[in-house]
Amino acid sequence: MKSAIAGGKASPEQASLIIVYTLAKALSISPLDIYQMPASLVMDLLNVHAIYSEMEAETMKKEMKKK
């Protein structure tokens, strides 16, 4: 599981768990709520979360360079 999270190859079961955990944590909702969502919504939310996280990291990087 650790290598899958670090970007290695993941089985479909591992990928599903990682997606559910990531969204549950990001949205502060129960993992059971995610299992009830349509797959297309889950993937859309995961993409939005990834973009937001990337933008947040870029902003933090810029702030660190200012100091």
PDB file of N, CA and C in Angstrom:
ATOM      1  N   MET A   1       0.830  -1.189   0.000  1.00  0.00           N
ATOM      2  CA  MET A   1       0.000   0.000   0.000  1.00  0.00           C
ATOM      3  C   MET A   1       0.878   1.258   0.000  1.00  0.00           C
ATOM      4  N   LYS A   2       1.958   1.222   0.750  1.00  0.00           N
ATOM      5  CA  LYS A   2       2.830   2.400   0.841  1.00  0.00           C
ATOM      6  C   LYS A   2       3.394   2.787  -0.521  1.00  0.00           C
ATOM      7  N   SER A   3       3.812   1.793  -1.301  1.00  0.00           N
ATOM      8  CA  SER A   3       4.364   2.104  -2.625  1.00  0.00           C
ATOM      9  C   SER A   3       3.281   2.615  -3.570  1.00  0.00           C
ATOM     10  N   ALA A   4       2.062   2.124  -3.415  1.00  0.00           N
ATOM     11  CA  ALA A   4       0.952   2.605  -4.245  1.00  0.00           C
ATOM     12  C   ALA A   4       0.658   4.068  -3.939  1.00  0.00           C
ATOM     13  N   ILE A   5       0.691   4.425  -2.678  1.00  0.00           N
ATOM     14  CA  ILE A   5       0.436   5.813  -2.280  1.00  0.00           C
ATOM     15  C   ILE A   5       1.562   6.725  -2.770  1.00  0.00           C
ATOM     16  N   ALA A   6       2.769   6.198  -2.778  1.00  0.00           N
ATOM     17  CA  ALA A   6       3.925   6.991  -3.216  1.00  0.00           C
ATOM     18  C   ALA A   6       3.993   7.130  -4.728  1.00  0.00           C
ATOM     19  N   GLY A   7       3.020   6.567  -5.442  1.00  0.00           N
ATOM     20  CA  GLY A   7       2.990   6.746  -6.884  1.00  0.00           C
ATOM     21  C   GLY A   7       3.322   5.503  -7.675  1.00  0.00           C
ATOM     22  N   GLY A   8       3.480   4.398  -6.995  1.00  0.00           N
ATOM     23  CA  GLY A   8       3.751   3.152  -7.696  1.00  0.00           C
ATOM     24  C   GLY A   8       2.479   2.554  -8.261  1.00  0.00           C
ATOM     25  N   LYS A   9       2.588   1.326  -8.714  1.00  0.00           N
ATOM     26  CA  LYS A   9       1.428   0.651  -9.267  1.00  0.00           C
ATOM     27  C   LYS A   9       0.525   0.179  -8.140  1.00  0.00           C
ATOM     28  N   ALA A  10      -0.779   0.343  -8.349  1.00  0.00           N
ATOM     29  CA  ALA A  10      -1.758  -0.062  -7.351  1.00  0.00           C
ATOM     30  C   ALA A  10      -2.777  -0.987  -7.993  1.00  0.00           C
ATOM     31  N   SER A  11      -3.226  -1.938  -7.217  1.00  0.00           N
ATOM     32  CA  SER A  11      -4.304  -2.798  -7.701  1.00  0.00           C
ATOM     33  C   SER A  11      -5.587  -1.968  -7.709  1.00  0.00           C
ATOM     34  N   PRO A  12      -6.611  -2.410  -8.408  1.00  0.00           N
ATOM     35  CA  PRO A  12      -7.874  -1.654  -8.396  1.00  0.00           C
ATOM     36  C   PRO A  12      -8.432  -1.451  -6.986  1.00  0.00           C
ATOM     37  N   GLU A  13      -8.268  -2.459  -6.133  1.00  0.00           N
ATOM     38  CA  GLU A  13      -8.750  -2.330  -4.753  1.00  0.00           C
ATOM     39  C   GLU A  13      -7.977  -1.255  -3.990  1.00  0.00           C
ATOM     40  N   GLN A  14      -6.654  -1.254  -4.165  1.00  0.00           N
ATOM     41  CA  GLN A  14      -5.831  -0.245  -3.500  1.00  0.00           C
ATOM     42  C   GLN A  14      -6.150   1.147  -4.026  1.00  0.00           C
ATOM     43  N   ALA A  15      -6.310   1.269  -5.335  1.00  0.00           N
ATOM     44  CA  ALA A  15      -6.633   2.568  -5.924  1.00  0.00           C
ATOM     45  C   ALA A  15      -7.963   3.080  -5.386  1.00  0.00           C
ATOM     46  N   SER A  16      -8.929   2.192  -5.269  1.00  0.00           N
ATOM     47  CA  SER A  16     -10.240   2.584  -4.738  1.00  0.00           C
ATOM     48  C   SER A  16     -10.122   3.077  -3.302  1.00  0.00           C
ATOM     49  N   LEU A  17      -9.375   2.364  -2.487  1.00  0.00           N
ATOM     50  CA  LEU A  17      -9.200   2.783  -1.094  1.00  0.00           C
ATOM     51  C   LEU A  17      -8.494   4.132  -0.987  1.00  0.00           C
ATOM     52  N   ILE A  18      -7.488   4.329  -1.832  1.00  0.00           N
ATOM     53  CA  ILE A  18      -6.751   5.599  -1.816  1.00  0.00           C
ATOM     54  C   ILE A  18      -7.669   6.744  -2.227  1.00  0.00           C
ATOM     55  N   ILE A  19      -8.467   6.540  -3.263  1.00  0.00           N
ATOM     56  CA  ILE A  19      -9.400   7.572  -3.724  1.00  0.00           C
ATOM     57  C   ILE A  19     -10.417   7.892  -2.635  1.00  0.00           C
ATOM     58  N   VAL A  20     -10.996   6.863  -2.035  1.00  0.00           N
ATOM     59  CA  VAL A  20     -12.007   7.072  -0.995  1.00  0.00           C
ATOM     60  C   VAL A  20     -11.398   7.800   0.195  1.00  0.00           C
ATOM     61  N   TYR A  21     -10.219   7.375   0.628  1.00  0.00           N
ATOM     62  CA  TYR A  21      -9.563   8.026   1.763  1.00  0.00           C
ATOM     63  C   TYR A  21      -9.264   9.488   1.452  1.00  0.00           C
ATOM     64  N   THR A  22      -8.705   9.737   0.267  1.00  0.00           N
ATOM     65  CA  THR A  22      -8.332  11.097  -0.117  1.00  0.00           C
ATOM     66  C   THR A  22      -9.533  12.025  -0.115  1.00  0.00           C
ATOM     67  N   LEU A  23     -10.624  11.598  -0.736  1.00  0.00           N
ATOM     68  CA  LEU A  23     -11.813  12.457  -0.789  1.00  0.00           C
ATOM     69  C   LEU A  23     -12.471  12.605   0.570  1.00  0.00           C
ATOM     70  N   ALA A  24     -12.546  11.538   1.329  1.00  0.00           N
ATOM     71  CA  ALA A  24     -13.156  11.624   2.657  1.00  0.00           C
ATOM     72  C   ALA A  24     -12.387  12.620   3.522  1.00  0.00           C
ATOM     73  N   LYS A  25     -11.080  12.545   3.453  1.00  0.00           N
ATOM     74  CA  LYS A  25     -10.237  13.461   4.229  1.00  0.00           C
ATOM     75  C   LYS A  25     -10.390  14.900   3.726  1.00  0.00           C
ATOM     76  N   ALA A  26     -10.340  15.086   2.415  1.00  0.00           N
ATOM     77  CA  ALA A  26     -10.402  16.428   1.832  1.00  0.00           C
ATOM     78  C   ALA A  26     -11.754  17.093   2.058  1.00  0.00           C
ATOM     79  N   LEU A  27     -12.823  16.313   1.982  1.00  0.00           N
ATOM     80  CA  LEU A  27     -14.171  16.880   2.097  1.00  0.00           C
ATOM     81  C   LEU A  27     -14.749  16.763   3.509  1.00  0.00           C
ATOM     82  N   SER A  28     -14.003  16.124   4.398  1.00  0.00           N
ATOM     83  CA  SER A  28     -14.463  15.899   5.783  1.00  0.00           C
ATOM     84  C   SER A  28     -15.824  15.218   5.818  1.00  0.00           C
ATOM     85  N   ILE A  29     -15.923  14.139   5.043  1.00  0.00           N
ATOM     86  CA  ILE A  29     -17.157  13.356   5.026  1.00  0.00           C
ATOM     87  C   ILE A  29     -16.815  11.890   5.264  1.00  0.00           C
ATOM     88  N   SER A  30     -17.835  11.118   5.529  1.00  0.00           N
ATOM     89  CA  SER A  30     -17.656   9.694   5.768  1.00  0.00           C
ATOM     90  C   SER A  30     -17.283   8.984   4.468  1.00  0.00           C
ATOM     91  N   PRO A  31     -16.387   8.012   4.542  1.00  0.00           N
ATOM     92  CA  PRO A  31     -16.078   7.217   3.349  1.00  0.00           C
ATOM     93  C   PRO A  31     -17.327   6.533   2.776  1.00  0.00           C
ATOM     94  N   LEU A  32     -18.271   6.224   3.624  1.00  0.00           N
ATOM     95  CA  LEU A  32     -19.510   5.603   3.142  1.00  0.00           C
ATOM     96  C   LEU A  32     -20.272   6.528   2.206  1.00  0.00           C
ATOM     97  N   ASP A  33     -20.181   7.826   2.441  1.00  0.00           N
ATOM     98  CA  ASP A  33     -20.829   8.787   1.543  1.00  0.00           C
ATOM     99  C   ASP A  33     -20.215   8.732   0.147  1.00  0.00           C
ATOM    100  N   ILE A  34     -18.920   8.531   0.096  1.00  0.00           N
ATOM    101  CA  ILE A  34     -18.238   8.477  -1.193  1.00  0.00           C
ATOM    102  C   ILE A  34     -18.648   7.229  -1.970  1.00  0.00           C
ATOM    103  N   TYR A  35     -18.792   6.121  -1.261  1.00  0.00           N
ATOM    104  CA  TYR A  35     -19.219   4.887  -1.932  1.00  0.00           C
ATOM    105  C   TYR A  35     -20.611   5.015  -2.532  1.00  0.00           C
ATOM    106  N   GLN A  36     -21.407   5.936  -2.016  1.00  0.00           N
ATOM    107  CA  GLN A  36     -22.764   6.124  -2.526  1.00  0.00           C
ATOM    108  C   GLN A  36     -22.822   7.100  -3.702  1.00  0.00           C
ATOM    109  N   MET A  37     -21.732   7.785  -3.980  1.00  0.00           N
ATOM    110  CA  MET A  37     -21.695   8.752  -5.083  1.00  0.00           C
ATOM    111  C   MET A  37     -21.490   8.041  -6.417  1.00  0.00           C
ATOM    112  N   PRO A  38     -21.980   8.636  -7.499  1.00  0.00           N
ATOM    113  CA  PRO A  38     -21.665   8.087  -8.822  1.00  0.00           C
ATOM    114  C   PRO A  38     -20.158   8.204  -9.086  1.00  0.00           C
ATOM    115  N   ALA A  39     -19.608   7.239  -9.796  1.00  0.00           N
ATOM    116  CA  ALA A  39     -18.164   7.222 -10.066  1.00  0.00           C
ATOM    117  C   ALA A  39     -17.702   8.491 -10.777  1.00  0.00           C
ATOM    118  N   SER A  40     -18.532   9.020 -11.666  1.00  0.00           N
ATOM    119  CA  SER A  40     -18.139  10.240 -12.392  1.00  0.00           C
ATOM    120  C   SER A  40     -17.985  11.418 -11.437  1.00  0.00           C
ATOM    121  N   LEU A  41     -18.855  11.519 -10.448  1.00  0.00           N
ATOM    122  CA  LEU A  41     -18.746  12.597  -9.454  1.00  0.00           C
ATOM    123  C   LEU A  41     -17.492  12.422  -8.612  1.00  0.00           C
ATOM    124  N   VAL A  42     -17.207  11.194  -8.218  1.00  0.00           N
ATOM    125  CA  VAL A  42     -16.008  10.919  -7.425  1.00  0.00           C
ATOM    126  C   VAL A  42     -14.763  11.351  -8.195  1.00  0.00           C
ATOM    127  N   MET A  43     -14.691  10.992  -9.469  1.00  0.00           N
ATOM    128  CA  MET A  43     -13.519  11.357 -10.266  1.00  0.00           C
ATOM    129  C   MET A  43     -13.431  12.865 -10.481  1.00  0.00           C
ATOM    130  N   ASP A  44     -14.572  13.523 -10.685  1.00  0.00           N
ATOM    131  CA  ASP A  44     -14.575  14.987 -10.824  1.00  0.00           C
ATOM    132  C   ASP A  44     -14.076  15.649  -9.545  1.00  0.00           C
ATOM    133  N   LEU A  45     -14.564  15.197  -8.405  1.00  0.00           N
ATOM    134  CA  LEU A  45     -14.137  15.765  -7.125  1.00  0.00           C
ATOM    135  C   LEU A  45     -12.662  15.497  -6.869  1.00  0.00           C
ATOM    136  N   LEU A  46     -12.196  14.322  -7.258  1.00  0.00           N
ATOM    137  CA  LEU A  46     -10.786  13.997  -7.087  1.00  0.00           C
ATOM    138  C   LEU A  46      -9.920  14.914  -7.951  1.00  0.00           C
ATOM    139  N   ASN A  47     -10.361  15.193  -9.161  1.00  0.00           N
ATOM    140  CA  ASN A  47      -9.625  16.113 -10.039  1.00  0.00           C
ATOM    141  C   ASN A  47      -9.598  17.526  -9.467  1.00  0.00           C
ATOM    142  N   VAL A  48     -10.725  17.989  -8.961  1.00  0.00           N
ATOM    143  CA  VAL A  48     -10.774  19.316  -8.348  1.00  0.00           C
ATOM    144  C   VAL A  48      -9.837  19.377  -7.149  1.00  0.00           C
ATOM    145  N   HIS A  49      -9.864  18.341  -6.334  1.00  0.00           N
ATOM    146  CA  HIS A  49      -8.979  18.303  -5.161  1.00  0.00           C
ATOM    147  C   HIS A  49      -7.510  18.322  -5.582  1.00  0.00           C
ATOM    148  N   ALA A  50      -7.167  17.575  -6.631  1.00  0.00           N
ATOM    149  CA  ALA A  50      -5.785  17.542  -7.099  1.00  0.00           C
ATOM    150  C   ALA A  50      -5.337  18.914  -7.596  1.00  0.00           C
ATOM    151  N   ILE A  51      -6.197  19.584  -8.342  1.00  0.00           N
ATOM    152  CA  ILE A  51      -5.869  20.924  -8.849  1.00  0.00           C
ATOM    153  C   ILE A  51      -5.714  21.903  -7.694  1.00  0.00           C
ATOM    154  N   TYR A  52      -6.627  21.843  -6.739  1.00  0.00           N
ATOM    155  CA  TYR A  52      -6.558  22.739  -5.579  1.00  0.00           C
ATOM    156  C   TYR A  52      -5.267  22.490  -4.789  1.00  0.00           C
ATOM    157  N   SER A  53      -4.933  21.233  -4.577  1.00  0.00           N
ATOM    158  CA  SER A  53      -3.713  20.902  -3.830  1.00  0.00           C
ATOM    159  C   SER A  53      -2.476  21.393  -4.560  1.00  0.00           C
ATOM    160  N   GLU A  54      -2.478  21.264  -5.862  1.00  0.00           N
ATOM    161  CA  GLU A  54      -1.352  21.723  -6.666  1.00  0.00           C
ATOM    162  C   GLU A  54      -1.202  23.245  -6.567  1.00  0.00           C
ATOM    163  N   MET A  55      -2.320  23.948  -6.655  1.00  0.00           N
ATOM    164  CA  MET A  55      -2.280  25.409  -6.549  1.00  0.00           C
ATOM    165  C   MET A  55      -1.828  25.844  -5.161  1.00  0.00           C
ATOM    166  N   GLU A  56      -2.282  25.143  -4.150  1.00  0.00           N
ATOM    167  CA  GLU A  56      -1.882  25.448  -2.782  1.00  0.00           C
ATOM    168  C   GLU A  56      -0.375  25.246  -2.595  1.00  0.00           C
ATOM    169  N   ALA A  57       0.160  24.172  -3.161  1.00  0.00           N
ATOM    170  CA  ALA A  57       1.598  23.904  -3.070  1.00  0.00           C
ATOM    171  C   ALA A  57       2.401  24.982  -3.790  1.00  0.00           C
ATOM    172  N   GLU A  58       1.921  25.417  -4.940  1.00  0.00           N
ATOM    173  CA  GLU A  58       2.609  26.473  -5.690  1.00  0.00           C
ATOM    174  C   GLU A  58       2.617  27.779  -4.897  1.00  0.00           C
ATOM    175  N   THR A  59       1.495  28.094  -4.268  1.00  0.00           N
ATOM    176  CA  THR A  59       1.408  29.308  -3.462  1.00  0.00           C
ATOM    177  C   THR A  59       2.375  29.247  -2.283  1.00  0.00           C
ATOM    178  N   MET A  60       2.437  28.103  -1.632  1.00  0.00           N
ATOM    179  CA  MET A  60       3.351  27.945  -0.497  1.00  0.00           C
ATOM    180  C   MET A  60       4.804  28.070  -0.960  1.00  0.00           C
ATOM    181  N   LYS A  61       5.105  27.524  -2.120  1.00  0.00           N
ATOM    182  CA  LYS A  61       6.452  27.596  -2.670  1.00  0.00           C
ATOM    183  C   LYS A  61       6.841  29.055  -2.934  1.00  0.00           C
ATOM    184  N   LYS A  62       5.913  29.827  -3.504  1.00  0.00           N
ATOM    185  CA  LYS A  62       6.164  31.234  -3.771  1.00  0.00           C
ATOM    186  C   LYS A  62       6.405  32.005  -2.486  1.00  0.00           C
ATOM    187  N   GLU A  63       5.612  31.705  -1.470  1.00  0.00           N
ATOM    188  CA  GLU A  63       5.749  32.390  -0.182  1.00  0.00           C
ATOM    189  C   GLU A  63       7.090  32.077   0.462  1.00  0.00           C
ATOM    190  N   MET A  64       7.542  30.832   0.328  1.00  0.00           N
ATOM    191  CA  MET A  64       8.825  30.442   0.914  1.00  0.00           C
ATOM    192  C   MET A  64       9.983  31.160   0.200  1.00  0.00           C
ATOM    193  N   LYS A  65       9.850  31.393  -1.097  1.00  0.00           N
ATOM    194  CA  LYS A  65      10.895  32.096  -1.847  1.00  0.00           C
ATOM    195  C   LYS A  65      10.982  33.556  -1.453  1.00  0.00           C
ATOM    196  N   LYS A  66       9.848  34.143  -1.034  1.00  0.00           N
ATOM    197  CA  LYS A  66       9.839  35.545  -0.627  1.00  0.00           C
ATOM    198  C   LYS A  66      10.631  35.778   0.646  1.00  0.00           C
ATOM    199  N   LYS A  67      10.688  34.777   1.490  1.00  0.00           N
ATOM    200  CA  LYS A  67      11.332  34.948   2.801  1.00  0.00           C
ATOM    201  C   LYS A  67      12.761  34.707   2.722  1.00  0.00           C
TER     202      LYS A  67
END
